[in-house]
Amino acid sequence: MNITHFISEWIAAGNSFDTDRYLEFYLPDAILDDPSVGRVFRGRKEIQSYFDSYFIGYQTQTRQVNLTVAGNTAHLEVVFKGSFAEQEIGGTFDFVFENGKIATVEANLIHD
């Protein structure tokens, strides 16, 4: 699995608001933990709710800043731009991959 390419494609799916394509990057029982919204999303149905609310709902565009890959994990630093209050804010994602898909990811906003 080429994680660098995978992440690039995952960001592209998110930025195009292609929900079906975006969800295909996750295992069916994947877990997305986002402490900045105070919730853990379990499975594709809940991850779709997260995507609909925080990406499509705020017209969020994600730009990769840095990516560190180690084995089956990756740490991604990004900048989010959208119609949310800050209009632009940094963030991170910490991924664990299994069978060529996202098994778990923790998302965090970076507050100055």
N, C-alpha and C. Protein backbone atom coordinates (compact mmCIF):
# COMPACT_ATOMS: atom_id res chain seq x y z
N MET A 1 0.85 -1.20 0.00
CA MET A 1 0.00 0.00 0.00
C MET A 1 0.88 1.24 0.00
N ASN A 2 0.62 2.13 -0.93
CA ASN A 2 1.33 3.40 -0.99
C ASN A 2 0.51 4.43 -0.19
N ILE A 3 0.90 4.62 1.05
CA ILE A 3 0.13 5.50 1.95
C ILE A 3 0.14 6.94 1.47
N THR A 4 1.25 7.40 0.92
CA THR A 4 1.32 8.78 0.41
C THR A 4 0.26 9.01 -0.67
N HIS A 5 0.16 8.08 -1.61
CA HIS A 5 -0.85 8.18 -2.67
C HIS A 5 -2.26 8.04 -2.09
N PHE A 6 -2.43 7.11 -1.17
CA PHE A 6 -3.72 6.89 -0.51
C PHE A 6 -4.22 8.18 0.13
N ILE A 7 -3.36 8.85 0.89
CA ILE A 7 -3.74 10.09 1.58
C ILE A 7 -4.09 11.18 0.56
N SER A 8 -3.33 11.27 -0.49
CA SER A 8 -3.61 12.26 -1.54
C SER A 8 -4.99 12.03 -2.15
N GLU A 9 -5.32 10.78 -2.42
CA GLU A 9 -6.63 10.44 -2.99
C GLU A 9 -7.76 10.67 -1.97
N TRP A 10 -7.49 10.37 -0.71
CA TRP A 10 -8.47 10.59 0.36
C TRP A 10 -8.80 12.08 0.48
N ILE A 11 -7.77 12.93 0.45
CA ILE A 11 -7.98 14.38 0.50
C ILE A 11 -8.77 14.84 -0.72
N ALA A 12 -8.43 14.33 -1.90
CA ALA A 12 -9.13 14.72 -3.14
C ALA A 12 -10.60 14.34 -3.07
N ALA A 13 -10.91 13.16 -2.54
CA ALA A 13 -12.32 12.74 -2.40
C ALA A 13 -13.05 13.67 -1.44
N GLY A 14 -12.41 14.03 -0.34
CA GLY A 14 -13.02 14.94 0.61
C GLY A 14 -13.24 16.32 0.02
N ASN A 15 -12.24 16.83 -0.69
CA ASN A 15 -12.35 18.16 -1.27
C ASN A 15 -13.39 18.25 -2.38
N SER A 16 -13.70 17.12 -3.01
CA SER A 16 -14.72 17.11 -4.07
C SER A 16 -16.10 16.77 -3.51
N PHE A 17 -16.17 16.54 -2.19
CA PHE A 17 -17.42 16.21 -1.51
C PHE A 17 -18.08 14.95 -2.08
N ASP A 18 -17.23 14.01 -2.52
CA ASP A 18 -17.70 12.73 -3.07
C ASP A 18 -17.85 11.74 -1.91
N THR A 19 -19.03 11.73 -1.32
CA THR A 19 -19.27 10.95 -0.11
C THR A 19 -18.98 9.47 -0.31
N ASP A 20 -19.49 8.88 -1.38
CA ASP A 20 -19.29 7.45 -1.61
C ASP A 20 -17.81 7.11 -1.74
N ARG A 21 -17.10 7.90 -2.51
CA ARG A 21 -15.66 7.66 -2.70
C ARG A 21 -14.92 7.86 -1.37
N TYR A 22 -15.25 8.90 -0.64
CA TYR A 22 -14.63 9.19 0.65
C TYR A 22 -14.79 8.01 1.61
N LEU A 23 -15.99 7.47 1.70
CA LEU A 23 -16.26 6.38 2.64
C LEU A 23 -15.55 5.09 2.25
N GLU A 24 -15.24 4.89 0.98
CA GLU A 24 -14.54 3.69 0.53
C GLU A 24 -13.12 3.60 1.10
N PHE A 25 -12.57 4.69 1.56
CA PHE A 25 -11.22 4.68 2.14
C PHE A 25 -11.21 4.06 3.54
N TYR A 26 -12.38 3.88 4.14
CA TYR A 26 -12.51 3.36 5.50
C TYR A 26 -12.97 1.91 5.51
N LEU A 27 -12.46 1.14 6.46
CA LEU A 27 -13.03 -0.18 6.71
C LEU A 27 -14.49 0.00 7.14
N PRO A 28 -15.36 -0.97 6.89
CA PRO A 28 -16.76 -0.81 7.30
C PRO A 28 -16.94 -0.51 8.79
N ASP A 29 -16.06 -1.03 9.64
CA ASP A 29 -16.17 -0.81 11.08
C ASP A 29 -15.11 0.16 11.61
N ALA A 30 -14.62 1.03 10.74
CA ALA A 30 -13.59 2.00 11.13
C ALA A 30 -14.08 2.91 12.25
N ILE A 31 -13.12 3.47 12.96
CA ILE A 31 -13.41 4.41 14.05
C ILE A 31 -12.71 5.73 13.77
N LEU A 32 -13.47 6.82 13.83
CA LEU A 32 -12.94 8.17 13.68
C LEU A 32 -13.21 8.90 14.99
N ASP A 33 -12.14 9.28 15.66
CA ASP A 33 -12.23 9.98 16.94
C ASP A 33 -11.84 11.44 16.71
N ASP A 34 -12.74 12.35 16.99
CA ASP A 34 -12.44 13.78 16.83
C ASP A 34 -12.74 14.50 18.14
N PRO A 35 -11.73 14.60 19.02
CA PRO A 35 -11.94 15.30 20.30
C PRO A 35 -12.40 16.75 20.13
N SER A 36 -12.05 17.39 19.01
CA SER A 36 -12.44 18.78 18.82
C SER A 36 -13.95 18.94 18.67
N VAL A 37 -14.66 17.89 18.29
CA VAL A 37 -16.12 17.95 18.24
C VAL A 37 -16.73 17.11 19.37
N GLY A 38 -15.86 16.48 20.16
CA GLY A 38 -16.31 15.76 21.35
C GLY A 38 -17.04 14.47 21.07
N ARG A 39 -16.63 13.78 19.99
CA ARG A 39 -17.38 12.58 19.62
C ARG A 39 -16.49 11.57 18.91
N VAL A 40 -16.83 10.30 19.11
CA VAL A 40 -16.22 9.20 18.38
C VAL A 40 -17.26 8.69 17.39
N PHE A 41 -16.87 8.53 16.13
CA PHE A 41 -17.76 8.06 15.07
C PHE A 41 -17.36 6.63 14.72
N ARG A 42 -18.31 5.71 14.82
CA ARG A 42 -18.03 4.29 14.62
C ARG A 42 -18.76 3.77 13.39
N GLY A 43 -17.98 3.26 12.45
CA GLY A 43 -18.56 2.70 11.23
C GLY A 43 -18.82 3.76 10.18
N ARG A 44 -18.98 3.27 8.95
CA ARG A 44 -19.14 4.20 7.82
C ARG A 44 -20.36 5.10 7.94
N LYS A 45 -21.45 4.60 8.51
CA LYS A 45 -22.66 5.42 8.63
C LYS A 45 -22.41 6.65 9.50
N GLU A 46 -21.75 6.44 10.64
CA GLU A 46 -21.45 7.59 11.51
C GLU A 46 -20.36 8.48 10.91
N ILE A 47 -19.39 7.87 10.23
CA ILE A 47 -18.34 8.67 9.57
C ILE A 47 -18.97 9.52 8.47
N GLN A 48 -19.98 9.00 7.80
CA GLN A 48 -20.69 9.80 6.79
C GLN A 48 -21.36 11.01 7.45
N SER A 49 -21.93 10.82 8.62
CA SER A 49 -22.55 11.93 9.35
C SER A 49 -21.51 13.01 9.66
N TYR A 50 -20.33 12.58 10.10
CA TYR A 50 -19.21 13.49 10.39
C TYR A 50 -18.83 14.25 9.12
N PHE A 51 -18.65 13.53 8.02
CA PHE A 51 -18.26 14.13 6.74
C PHE A 51 -19.32 15.13 6.27
N ASP A 52 -20.59 14.72 6.35
CA ASP A 52 -21.68 15.62 5.93
C ASP A 52 -21.70 16.90 6.76
N SER A 53 -21.53 16.77 8.06
CA SER A 53 -21.61 17.94 8.95
C SER A 53 -20.41 18.86 8.83
N TYR A 54 -19.21 18.30 8.93
CA TYR A 54 -18.01 19.13 9.11
C TYR A 54 -17.25 19.40 7.82
N PHE A 55 -17.49 18.65 6.78
CA PHE A 55 -16.81 18.90 5.51
C PHE A 55 -17.77 19.47 4.49
N ILE A 56 -18.83 18.75 4.16
CA ILE A 56 -19.80 19.28 3.21
C ILE A 56 -20.52 20.48 3.81
N GLY A 57 -20.96 20.38 5.04
CA GLY A 57 -21.72 21.46 5.69
C GLY A 57 -20.98 22.77 5.78
N TYR A 58 -19.67 22.70 5.96
CA TYR A 58 -18.86 23.92 6.06
C TYR A 58 -18.04 24.18 4.79
N GLN A 59 -18.33 23.42 3.73
CA GLN A 59 -17.60 23.57 2.46
C GLN A 59 -16.09 23.55 2.71
N THR A 60 -15.66 22.62 3.54
CA THR A 60 -14.26 22.54 3.96
C THR A 60 -13.37 21.99 2.85
N GLN A 61 -12.29 22.70 2.63
CA GLN A 61 -11.23 22.25 1.73
C GLN A 61 -9.99 21.98 2.57
N THR A 62 -9.35 20.86 2.30
CA THR A 62 -8.21 20.41 3.08
C THR A 62 -6.95 20.48 2.22
N ARG A 63 -5.89 21.04 2.79
CA ARG A 63 -4.60 21.09 2.10
C ARG A 63 -3.56 20.41 2.97
N GLN A 64 -2.85 19.48 2.38
CA GLN A 64 -1.79 18.77 3.10
C GLN A 64 -0.61 19.69 3.34
N VAL A 65 -0.09 19.68 4.58
CA VAL A 65 1.09 20.45 4.94
C VAL A 65 2.29 19.51 5.12
N ASN A 66 2.07 18.40 5.82
CA ASN A 66 3.16 17.45 6.08
C ASN A 66 2.56 16.07 6.32
N LEU A 67 3.31 15.05 5.90
CA LEU A 67 2.87 13.67 6.10
C LEU A 67 4.07 12.85 6.56
N THR A 68 3.90 12.14 7.67
CA THR A 68 4.93 11.23 8.19
C THR A 68 4.32 9.83 8.23
N VAL A 69 4.97 8.90 7.53
CA VAL A 69 4.48 7.52 7.46
C VAL A 69 5.45 6.63 8.21
N ALA A 70 4.92 5.72 9.02
CA ALA A 70 5.73 4.75 9.75
C ALA A 70 4.96 3.42 9.79
N GLY A 71 5.40 2.47 9.01
CA GLY A 71 4.73 1.18 8.96
C GLY A 71 3.30 1.33 8.47
N ASN A 72 2.34 0.88 9.30
CA ASN A 72 0.93 0.97 8.91
C ASN A 72 0.24 2.18 9.56
N THR A 73 1.02 3.19 9.92
CA THR A 73 0.46 4.40 10.52
C THR A 73 0.93 5.62 9.75
N ALA A 74 0.21 6.71 9.92
CA ALA A 74 0.60 7.98 9.30
C ALA A 74 0.11 9.13 10.16
N HIS A 75 0.91 10.18 10.20
CA HIS A 75 0.54 11.44 10.87
C HIS A 75 0.48 12.49 9.77
N LEU A 76 -0.69 13.10 9.62
CA LEU A 76 -0.92 14.09 8.57
C LEU A 76 -1.23 15.43 9.20
N GLU A 77 -0.49 16.46 8.77
CA GLU A 77 -0.77 17.83 9.17
C GLU A 77 -1.42 18.53 7.98
N VAL A 78 -2.51 19.27 8.26
CA VAL A 78 -3.28 19.91 7.21
C VAL A 78 -3.68 21.33 7.59
N VAL A 79 -4.18 22.04 6.60
CA VAL A 79 -4.87 23.32 6.81
C VAL A 79 -6.27 23.15 6.25
N PHE A 80 -7.27 23.51 7.04
CA PHE A 80 -8.66 23.48 6.62
C PHE A 80 -9.10 24.90 6.30
N LYS A 81 -9.80 25.08 5.18
CA LYS A 81 -10.44 26.35 4.86
C LYS A 81 -11.91 26.06 4.61
N GLY A 82 -12.78 26.92 5.13
CA GLY A 82 -14.20 26.69 4.93
C GLY A 82 -15.05 27.82 5.48
N SER A 83 -16.34 27.57 5.57
CA SER A 83 -17.28 28.59 6.01
C SER A 83 -17.50 28.56 7.52
N PHE A 84 -16.61 27.93 8.26
CA PHE A 84 -16.68 27.91 9.72
C PHE A 84 -16.12 29.22 10.27
N ALA A 85 -16.31 29.46 11.57
CA ALA A 85 -15.99 30.75 12.18
C ALA A 85 -14.55 31.21 11.92
N GLU A 86 -13.59 30.31 12.06
CA GLU A 86 -12.18 30.70 11.89
C GLU A 86 -11.80 30.92 10.43
N GLN A 87 -12.53 30.37 9.50
CA GLN A 87 -12.31 30.40 8.06
C GLN A 87 -11.07 29.62 7.63
N GLU A 88 -10.05 29.53 8.47
CA GLU A 88 -8.86 28.73 8.19
C GLU A 88 -8.28 28.29 9.52
N ILE A 89 -7.97 26.99 9.61
CA ILE A 89 -7.42 26.45 10.86
C ILE A 89 -6.59 25.22 10.54
N GLY A 90 -5.56 25.00 11.33
CA GLY A 90 -4.73 23.82 11.15
C GLY A 90 -5.36 22.60 11.80
N GLY A 91 -4.90 21.45 11.37
CA GLY A 91 -5.41 20.21 11.94
C GLY A 91 -4.44 19.07 11.72
N THR A 92 -4.69 17.98 12.41
CA THR A 92 -3.90 16.77 12.24
C THR A 92 -4.82 15.56 12.17
N PHE A 93 -4.31 14.52 11.53
CA PHE A 93 -4.96 13.22 11.50
C PHE A 93 -3.90 12.19 11.82
N ASP A 94 -4.20 11.26 12.71
CA ASP A 94 -3.33 10.14 13.01
C ASP A 94 -4.06 8.86 12.60
N PHE A 95 -3.53 8.20 11.58
CA PHE A 95 -4.16 7.05 10.95
C PHE A 95 -3.51 5.75 11.37
N VAL A 96 -4.32 4.69 11.43
CA VAL A 96 -3.86 3.31 11.47
C VAL A 96 -4.58 2.61 10.32
N PHE A 97 -3.80 1.91 9.49
CA PHE A 97 -4.34 1.24 8.31
C PHE A 97 -4.34 -0.27 8.50
N GLU A 98 -5.38 -0.91 7.96
CA GLU A 98 -5.45 -2.36 7.92
C GLU A 98 -6.07 -2.76 6.59
N ASN A 99 -5.52 -3.76 5.94
CA ASN A 99 -6.06 -4.27 4.68
C ASN A 99 -6.28 -3.18 3.64
N GLY A 100 -5.36 -2.22 3.58
CA GLY A 100 -5.44 -1.17 2.58
C GLY A 100 -6.50 -0.11 2.81
N LYS A 101 -7.04 -0.04 4.03
CA LYS A 101 -8.08 0.95 4.35
C LYS A 101 -7.77 1.58 5.71
N ILE A 102 -8.50 2.64 6.04
CA ILE A 102 -8.37 3.28 7.34
C ILE A 102 -9.13 2.44 8.36
N ALA A 103 -8.40 2.00 9.40
CA ALA A 103 -9.04 1.26 10.50
C ALA A 103 -9.44 2.22 11.60
N THR A 104 -8.52 3.11 11.98
CA THR A 104 -8.80 4.15 12.97
C THR A 104 -8.11 5.44 12.54
N VAL A 105 -8.72 6.54 12.93
CA VAL A 105 -8.12 7.85 12.70
C VAL A 105 -8.56 8.77 13.83
N GLU A 106 -7.59 9.53 14.34
CA GLU A 106 -7.90 10.57 15.31
C GLU A 106 -7.67 11.90 14.63
N ALA A 107 -8.69 12.75 14.65
CA ALA A 107 -8.62 14.07 14.03
C ALA A 107 -8.58 15.13 15.12
N ASN A 108 -7.73 16.12 14.94
CA ASN A 108 -7.61 17.21 15.93
C ASN A 108 -7.44 18.53 15.21
N LEU A 109 -8.06 19.55 15.75
CA LEU A 109 -7.82 20.91 15.27
C LEU A 109 -6.65 21.49 16.05
N ILE A 110 -5.90 22.35 15.40
CA ILE A 110 -4.77 23.02 16.05
C ILE A 110 -5.20 24.43 16.34
N HIS A 111 -5.35 24.74 17.62
CA HIS A 111 -5.74 26.09 18.03
C HIS A 111 -4.50 26.87 18.44
N ASP A 112 -4.42 28.10 17.95
CA ASP A 112 -3.27 28.95 18.31
C ASP A 112 -3.36 29.42 19.74
